[in-house]
Amino acid sequence: MNLPTYGHRMSKAVNMFTWMFKKILRQVFILAFLLQGCVGLLATLAAANQFQGKLIKVTDGDTFTILHEGKELRIRLAEIDAPECGQFIWRKSRKALADYVVGKVI
């Protein structure tokens, strides 16, 4: 690479910047590779932890209880912001979830 003639100091700065850029880029690629492996591992673990159960009750718009191998398990849906018991329209929220899950294998 032909550097412009700005003097010896500029050449050193450009070389330092290039070295740092390559080092950071190498670390980003390593991190991306590791994250890809972690995502695959988590997907495998999530698939291994799947189970089915019988619906016992719907508590509110984002929580229900199932019976799995003789044990009651409380399931709370992630990323759902439904009214909690006693809040405004929580009964409608609970009914909407019950209508969705009743009669289905959970």
C-alpha atoms as a PDB file:
ATOM      1  CA  MET A   1       0.000   0.000   0.000  1.00  0.00           C
ATOM      2  CA  ASN A   2       1.397   3.356  -0.992  1.00  0.00           C
ATOM      3  CA  LEU A   3       0.864   5.877   1.754  1.00  0.00           C
ATOM      4  CA  PRO A   4       0.719   9.567   1.007  1.00  0.00           C
ATOM      5  CA  THR A   5       3.819  11.426   2.023  1.00  0.00           C
ATOM      6  CA  TYR A   6       2.579  13.156   5.161  1.00  0.00           C
ATOM      7  CA  GLY A   7       5.654  12.280   7.037  1.00  0.00           C
ATOM      8  CA  HIS A   8       6.785   9.423   9.216  1.00  0.00           C
ATOM      9  CA  ARG A   9       4.255  10.134  12.016  1.00  0.00           C
ATOM     10  CA  MET A  10       1.238   9.794   9.713  1.00  0.00           C
ATOM     11  CA  SER A  11       2.563   6.510   8.353  1.00  0.00           C
ATOM     12  CA  LYS A  12       2.877   5.164  11.906  1.00  0.00           C
ATOM     13  CA  ALA A  13      -0.666   6.294  12.744  1.00  0.00           C
ATOM     14  CA  VAL A  14      -2.092   4.596   9.662  1.00  0.00           C
ATOM     15  CA  ASN A  15      -0.210   1.403  10.447  1.00  0.00           C
ATOM     16  CA  MET A  16      -1.443   1.494  14.053  1.00  0.00           C
ATOM     17  CA  PHE A  17      -5.024   2.077  12.902  1.00  0.00           C
ATOM     18  CA  THR A  18      -4.775  -0.824  10.417  1.00  0.00           C
ATOM     19  CA  TRP A  19      -3.383  -3.120  13.104  1.00  0.00           C
ATOM     20  CA  MET A  20      -6.146  -2.174  15.569  1.00  0.00           C
ATOM     21  CA  PHE A  21      -8.837  -2.567  12.907  1.00  0.00           C
ATOM     22  CA  LYS A  22      -7.614  -6.053  12.001  1.00  0.00           C
ATOM     23  CA  LYS A  23      -7.448  -7.046  15.675  1.00  0.00           C
ATOM     24  CA  ILE A  24     -11.001  -5.834  16.347  1.00  0.00           C
ATOM     25  CA  LEU A  25     -12.303  -7.489  13.175  1.00  0.00           C
ATOM     26  CA  ARG A  26     -10.697 -10.788  14.207  1.00  0.00           C
ATOM     27  CA  GLN A  27     -12.352 -10.554  17.640  1.00  0.00           C
ATOM     28  CA  VAL A  28     -15.740  -9.810  16.056  1.00  0.00           C
ATOM     29  CA  PHE A  29     -15.467 -12.903  13.848  1.00  0.00           C
ATOM     30  CA  ILE A  30     -14.492 -15.068  16.826  1.00  0.00           C
ATOM     31  CA  LEU A  31     -17.407 -13.686  18.856  1.00  0.00           C
ATOM     32  CA  ALA A  32     -19.838 -14.284  15.973  1.00  0.00           C
ATOM     33  CA  PHE A  33     -18.606 -17.883  15.663  1.00  0.00           C
ATOM     34  CA  LEU A  34     -19.019 -18.485  19.400  1.00  0.00           C
ATOM     35  CA  LEU A  35     -22.493 -16.926  19.445  1.00  0.00           C
ATOM     36  CA  GLN A  36     -23.578 -19.107  16.541  1.00  0.00           C
ATOM     37  CA  GLY A  37     -22.514 -22.177  18.495  1.00  0.00           C
ATOM     38  CA  CYS A  38     -24.333 -20.970  21.615  1.00  0.00           C
ATOM     39  CA  VAL A  39     -27.557 -20.368  19.675  1.00  0.00           C
ATOM     40  CA  GLY A  40     -27.400 -23.896  18.267  1.00  0.00           C
ATOM     41  CA  LEU A  41     -26.770 -25.330  21.719  1.00  0.00           C
ATOM     42  CA  LEU A  42     -29.656 -23.387  23.254  1.00  0.00           C
ATOM     43  CA  ALA A  43     -32.007 -24.508  20.478  1.00  0.00           C
ATOM     44  CA  THR A  44     -31.040 -28.114  21.124  1.00  0.00           C
ATOM     45  CA  LEU A  45     -31.587 -27.739  24.869  1.00  0.00           C
ATOM     46  CA  ALA A  46     -34.939 -26.044  24.325  1.00  0.00           C
ATOM     47  CA  ALA A  47     -36.079 -28.871  22.061  1.00  0.00           C
ATOM     48  CA  ALA A  48     -34.991 -31.416  24.668  1.00  0.00           C
ATOM     49  CA  ASN A  49     -37.068 -29.680  27.368  1.00  0.00           C
ATOM     50  CA  GLN A  50     -40.381 -29.797  25.499  1.00  0.00           C
ATOM     51  CA  PHE A  51     -43.217 -31.603  27.206  1.00  0.00           C
ATOM     52  CA  GLN A  52     -46.988 -31.860  27.108  1.00  0.00           C
ATOM     53  CA  GLY A  53     -49.591 -31.584  29.823  1.00  0.00           C
ATOM     54  CA  LYS A  54     -53.276 -31.346  30.573  1.00  0.00           C
ATOM     55  CA  LEU A  55     -54.710 -27.886  31.194  1.00  0.00           C
ATOM     56  CA  ILE A  56     -55.913 -27.470  34.773  1.00  0.00           C
ATOM     57  CA  LYS A  57     -56.728 -23.768  34.983  1.00  0.00           C
ATOM     58  CA  VAL A  58     -56.118 -20.379  33.416  1.00  0.00           C
ATOM     59  CA  THR A  59     -55.057 -17.861  36.051  1.00  0.00           C
ATOM     60  CA  ASP A  60     -54.994 -14.682  33.968  1.00  0.00           C
ATOM     61  CA  GLY A  61     -54.188 -13.547  30.442  1.00  0.00           C
ATOM     62  CA  ASP A  62     -50.601 -14.791  30.460  1.00  0.00           C
ATOM     63  CA  THR A  63     -50.537 -17.601  33.044  1.00  0.00           C
ATOM     64  CA  PHE A  64     -52.006 -21.092  33.154  1.00  0.00           C
ATOM     65  CA  THR A  65     -51.412 -24.345  35.019  1.00  0.00           C
ATOM     66  CA  ILE A  66     -50.950 -27.784  33.472  1.00  0.00           C
ATOM     67  CA  LEU A  67     -50.667 -31.279  34.892  1.00  0.00           C
ATOM     68  CA  HIS A  68     -47.502 -33.042  33.696  1.00  0.00           C
ATOM     69  CA  GLU A  69     -46.528 -36.473  35.075  1.00  0.00           C
ATOM     70  CA  GLY A  70     -48.641 -35.918  38.191  1.00  0.00           C
ATOM     71  CA  LYS A  71     -47.128 -32.503  38.938  1.00  0.00           C
ATOM     72  CA  GLU A  72     -48.800 -29.134  38.557  1.00  0.00           C
ATOM     73  CA  LEU A  73     -46.671 -26.744  36.523  1.00  0.00           C
ATOM     74  CA  ARG A  74     -47.434 -23.040  36.329  1.00  0.00           C
ATOM     75  CA  ILE A  75     -46.664 -21.708  32.858  1.00  0.00           C
ATOM     76  CA  ARG A  76     -46.188 -17.996  32.275  1.00  0.00           C
ATOM     77  CA  LEU A  77     -46.063 -16.816  28.668  1.00  0.00           C
ATOM     78  CA  ALA A  78     -42.977 -14.752  27.858  1.00  0.00           C
ATOM     79  CA  GLU A  79     -43.249 -11.293  26.302  1.00  0.00           C
ATOM     80  CA  ILE A  80     -46.995 -11.077  27.003  1.00  0.00           C
ATOM     81  CA  ASP A  81     -48.163  -8.098  29.044  1.00  0.00           C
ATOM     82  CA  ALA A  82     -51.677  -9.084  30.088  1.00  0.00           C
ATOM     83  CA  PRO A  83     -53.634  -7.599  32.997  1.00  0.00           C
ATOM     84  CA  GLU A  84     -53.012  -9.384  36.294  1.00  0.00           C
ATOM     85  CA  CYS A  85     -55.765 -10.708  38.515  1.00  0.00           C
ATOM     86  CA  GLY A  86     -57.824  -7.792  39.811  1.00  0.00           C
ATOM     87  CA  GLN A  87     -56.661  -5.270  37.212  1.00  0.00           C
ATOM     88  CA  PHE A  88     -58.916  -3.631  34.641  1.00  0.00           C
ATOM     89  CA  ILE A  89     -60.347  -6.169  32.119  1.00  0.00           C
ATOM     90  CA  TRP A  90     -58.337  -9.096  33.543  1.00  0.00           C
ATOM     91  CA  ARG A  91     -61.377 -11.367  33.228  1.00  0.00           C
ATOM     92  CA  LYS A  92     -61.610 -10.673  29.495  1.00  0.00           C
ATOM     93  CA  SER A  93     -57.899 -11.324  29.156  1.00  0.00           C
ATOM     94  CA  ARG A  94     -58.195 -14.622  31.048  1.00  0.00           C
ATOM     95  CA  LYS A  95     -61.172 -15.665  28.913  1.00  0.00           C
ATOM     96  CA  ALA A  96     -59.275 -14.874  25.695  1.00  0.00           C
ATOM     97  CA  LEU A  97     -56.378 -17.123  26.760  1.00  0.00           C
ATOM     98  CA  ALA A  98     -58.770 -19.849  27.944  1.00  0.00           C
ATOM     99  CA  ASP A  99     -60.604 -19.773  24.593  1.00  0.00           C
ATOM    100  CA  TYR A 100     -57.262 -20.213  22.869  1.00  0.00           C
ATOM    101  CA  VAL A 101     -55.859 -23.096  24.947  1.00  0.00           C
ATOM    102  CA  VAL A 102     -58.935 -25.118  26.019  1.00  0.00           C
ATOM    103  CA  GLY A 103     -59.186 -28.363  24.083  1.00  0.00           C
ATOM    104  CA  LYS A 104     -55.626 -28.188  22.716  1.00  0.00           C
ATOM    105  CA  VAL A 105     -52.590 -30.243  23.628  1.00  0.00           C
ATOM    106  CA  ILE A 106     -50.337 -27.961  25.616  1.00  0.00           C
END
